[in-house]
Protein backbone atom coordinates (compact mmCIF):
# COMPACT_ATOMS: atom_id res chain seq x y z
CA MET A 1 0.00 0.00 0.00
CA THR A 2 0.94 3.64 -0.30
CA SER A 3 1.08 6.31 2.39
CA SER A 4 -1.75 6.61 4.88
CA ALA A 5 -2.61 10.06 3.48
CA ARG A 6 -3.96 8.42 0.35
CA VAL A 7 -4.95 4.90 1.35
CA ALA A 8 -6.15 3.95 4.81
CA GLU A 9 -7.85 1.04 6.49
CA SER A 10 -10.46 2.03 9.05
CA ALA A 11 -10.89 0.40 12.44
CA VAL A 12 -13.61 -1.82 11.00
CA GLY A 13 -11.34 -3.00 8.18
CA ALA A 14 -12.98 -1.06 5.35
CA LEU A 15 -10.59 0.39 2.81
CA THR A 16 -10.89 4.11 2.16
CA LEU A 17 -9.18 5.90 -0.71
CA ASP A 18 -8.79 9.65 -1.02
CA ALA A 19 -9.23 10.10 -4.76
CA GLU A 20 -8.40 13.82 -4.62
CA ALA A 21 -5.10 13.17 -2.81
CA LEU A 22 -4.28 10.46 -5.35
CA TYR A 23 -5.09 12.86 -8.18
CA GLY A 24 -2.67 15.38 -6.66
CA GLU A 25 0.02 12.67 -6.59
CA LEU A 26 -0.74 11.76 -10.22
CA LEU A 27 -0.51 15.42 -11.25
CA ARG A 28 2.89 15.84 -9.55
CA SER A 29 4.22 12.57 -10.98
CA VAL A 30 3.01 13.13 -14.55
CA ARG A 31 4.86 16.44 -14.99
CA PRO A 32 8.33 14.85 -15.40
CA LEU A 33 6.95 12.33 -17.91
CA LEU A 34 5.77 15.03 -20.30
CA ARG A 35 7.71 15.79 -23.45
CA ALA A 36 7.13 18.76 -25.71
CA ASP A 37 4.88 16.66 -27.98
CA THR A 38 3.13 14.44 -25.38
CA LYS A 39 -0.58 13.89 -25.97
CA LEU A 40 -2.84 12.84 -23.09
CA VAL A 41 -5.41 10.17 -23.90
CA GLY A 42 -7.92 9.00 -21.29
CA ILE A 43 -9.78 5.71 -21.34
CA VAL A 44 -13.53 6.31 -21.28
CA SER A 45 -14.83 7.21 -18.69
CA GLY A 46 -12.65 7.51 -15.54
CA GLY A 47 -9.42 7.81 -17.50
CA GLN A 48 -11.02 10.45 -19.71
CA TRP A 49 -11.98 12.47 -16.64
CA LEU A 50 -8.37 12.25 -15.43
CA ALA A 51 -6.94 13.22 -18.83
CA ASP A 52 -9.26 16.22 -19.19
CA ARG A 53 -8.49 17.52 -15.70
CA LEU A 54 -4.73 16.89 -16.02
CA HIS A 55 -4.69 18.59 -19.42
CA ALA A 56 -6.28 21.70 -17.92
CA ASP A 57 -4.20 21.66 -14.70
CA LEU A 58 -0.96 21.25 -16.68
CA GLY A 59 -1.94 24.04 -19.10
CA LEU A 60 -1.32 21.89 -22.17
CA PRO A 61 -2.30 23.17 -25.62
CA GLY A 62 -5.14 21.63 -27.61
CA GLN A 63 -7.38 18.98 -26.13
CA ALA A 64 -6.88 15.64 -24.44
CA GLY A 65 -8.02 12.60 -26.37
CA ALA A 66 -10.54 10.00 -25.26
CA ILE A 67 -10.41 6.33 -26.21
CA SER A 68 -13.00 3.59 -25.86
CA SER A 69 -12.26 -0.08 -25.36
CA ALA A 70 -15.74 -1.16 -26.46
CA MET A 71 -14.98 -2.37 -29.99
CA HIS A 72 -11.91 -4.45 -29.08
CA ARG A 73 -12.92 -6.10 -25.81
CA ASP A 74 -12.49 -9.85 -25.59
CA ASP A 75 -15.82 -10.02 -23.73
CA PHE A 76 -17.73 -7.97 -26.33
CA ALA A 77 -20.23 -10.80 -26.89
CA LYS A 78 -21.21 -10.68 -23.20
CA ARG A 79 -21.02 -6.93 -22.62
CA GLY A 80 -22.15 -5.53 -25.95
CA LEU A 81 -21.54 -1.94 -26.99
CA ALA A 82 -21.68 0.35 -23.98
CA ALA A 83 -23.57 3.62 -24.17
CA THR A 84 -20.49 5.43 -22.86
CA GLY A 85 -18.29 7.81 -24.81
CA GLN A 86 -16.62 7.06 -28.09
CA THR A 87 -13.02 7.47 -29.21
CA SER A 88 -12.00 11.05 -30.00
CA LEU A 89 -8.36 11.73 -30.84
CA PRO A 90 -8.06 15.42 -31.83
CA PHE A 91 -4.47 15.08 -33.03
CA GLU A 92 -2.37 12.96 -35.38
CA VAL A 93 -1.62 9.57 -33.79
CA ASP A 94 1.20 8.62 -36.20
CA GLY A 95 4.49 9.40 -34.50
CA ALA A 96 2.84 10.82 -31.37
CA ASP A 97 4.09 10.40 -27.81
CA ILE A 98 0.95 9.14 -26.03
CA LEU A 99 0.43 9.16 -22.28
CA LEU A 100 -2.53 6.83 -21.75
CA LEU A 101 -4.51 7.45 -18.55
CA ASP A 102 -6.85 5.15 -16.68
CA ASP A 103 -8.46 5.28 -13.28
CA VAL A 104 -7.95 1.67 -12.15
CA LEU A 105 -5.61 -0.93 -13.64
CA PHE A 106 -6.80 -4.45 -12.82
CA THR A 107 -6.59 -7.38 -15.27
CA GLY A 108 -4.97 -5.51 -18.17
CA ARG A 109 -7.72 -6.51 -20.61
CA THR A 110 -9.04 -2.96 -21.04
CA ILE A 111 -5.52 -1.73 -21.81
CA ARG A 112 -5.11 -4.46 -24.45
CA ALA A 113 -8.40 -3.44 -26.06
CA VAL A 114 -7.49 0.25 -25.97
CA LEU A 115 -4.11 -0.36 -27.59
CA ASN A 116 -5.86 -2.19 -30.43
CA GLU A 117 -8.23 0.78 -30.81
CA LEU A 118 -5.34 3.28 -30.72
CA PHE A 119 -3.47 1.45 -33.50
CA ASP A 120 -6.61 1.61 -35.64
CA TYR A 121 -5.91 5.37 -35.75
CA GLY A 122 -2.20 5.20 -36.51
CA ARG A 123 1.19 4.15 -35.20
CA PRO A 124 2.33 6.23 -32.21
CA ALA A 125 6.05 6.62 -31.51
CA CYS A 126 5.54 5.74 -27.85
CA VAL A 127 2.67 4.77 -25.54
CA ARG A 128 3.10 4.99 -21.78
CA LEU A 129 0.49 4.17 -19.12
CA ALA A 130 -0.32 6.17 -15.98
CA VAL A 131 -3.09 5.13 -13.59
CA LEU A 132 -4.64 6.48 -10.43
CA VAL A 133 -4.73 3.02 -8.80
CA ASP A 134 -2.98 -0.23 -9.71
CA ARG A 135 -5.03 -2.79 -7.85
CA ALA A 136 -3.05 -5.90 -8.87
CA GLY A 137 -4.70 -9.04 -10.28
CA ARG A 138 -3.20 -8.90 -13.77
CA GLU A 139 -4.31 -11.49 -16.36
CA LEU A 140 -2.16 -10.00 -19.13
CA PRO A 141 1.44 -8.72 -19.00
CA VAL A 142 0.52 -5.05 -18.65
CA ALA A 143 2.23 -2.61 -16.28
CA ALA A 144 1.75 1.07 -15.59
CA GLU A 145 4.80 3.31 -15.78
CA LEU A 146 3.16 5.43 -13.10
CA ALA A 147 0.54 4.63 -10.46
CA ALA A 148 -0.51 7.11 -7.76
CA ALA A 149 -1.33 4.09 -5.53
CA ARG A 150 -0.77 0.36 -5.64
CA LEU A 151 -2.93 -1.94 -3.57
CA ALA A 152 -4.47 -5.37 -3.51
CA LEU A 153 -8.23 -5.81 -3.39
CA PRO A 154 -10.15 -9.08 -3.33
CA SER A 155 -11.35 -10.05 -6.80
CA ALA A 156 -14.92 -9.96 -5.43
CA GLN A 157 -14.66 -6.17 -5.04
CA SER A 158 -14.85 -3.52 -7.72
CA LEU A 159 -13.17 -0.15 -7.47
CA GLU A 160 -14.68 2.66 -9.52
CA LEU A 161 -13.79 6.31 -9.84
CA ALA A 162 -16.69 8.74 -9.54
CA ARG A 163 -16.76 12.39 -10.53
CA GLU A 164 -18.88 14.77 -8.50
CA GLU A 165 -20.79 17.68 -10.04
CA ASP A 166 -18.03 20.07 -8.93
CA GLY A 167 -15.41 17.93 -10.73
CA ARG A 168 -13.91 16.39 -7.58
CA PHE A 169 -13.08 12.69 -7.62
CA SER A 170 -14.09 9.96 -5.19
CA PHE A 171 -14.02 6.17 -5.20
CA ARG A 172 -16.72 3.56 -4.83
CA ILE A 173 -15.72 0.14 -3.56
CA GLU A 174 -18.47 -2.43 -4.05
CA LYS A 175 -18.93 -6.17 -3.85
CA ILE A 176 -19.30 -7.82 -7.23
């Protein structure tokens, strides 16, 4: 686990995560990863929220991109096409330095699907992954270059980023 300021276990054993503190850590840690031509791309929806807010807080030119995993998921037959956002990459992908953002890295399957989607748009020079939380439990060999927090959760729990009306982040931890 990371520092108690960001991740804590209460007296009753319930895990609490301070999403805003983790966002602050992500913001500080992303700065040194940026190159002059880095493009932020967030995975719909939590990663997109992170990318949009980081893009604004870092004062980057243009717009952050958004990418959907829907069309390349290996469980598409079960899940179908979600009514969430679609891919929008407002820049040239060929030769781009892409910093891919996601809220929670778990099995790695969403990242695999997103990489397939990204390469449908072109061949980037580099793709790096930054996440708010790496919760372990990988099923594919995927690793984040940067994670604001790393923790282990039982596979019977889901961890989801929520965005409040004022733009602040929080987490929901639920039983599956």
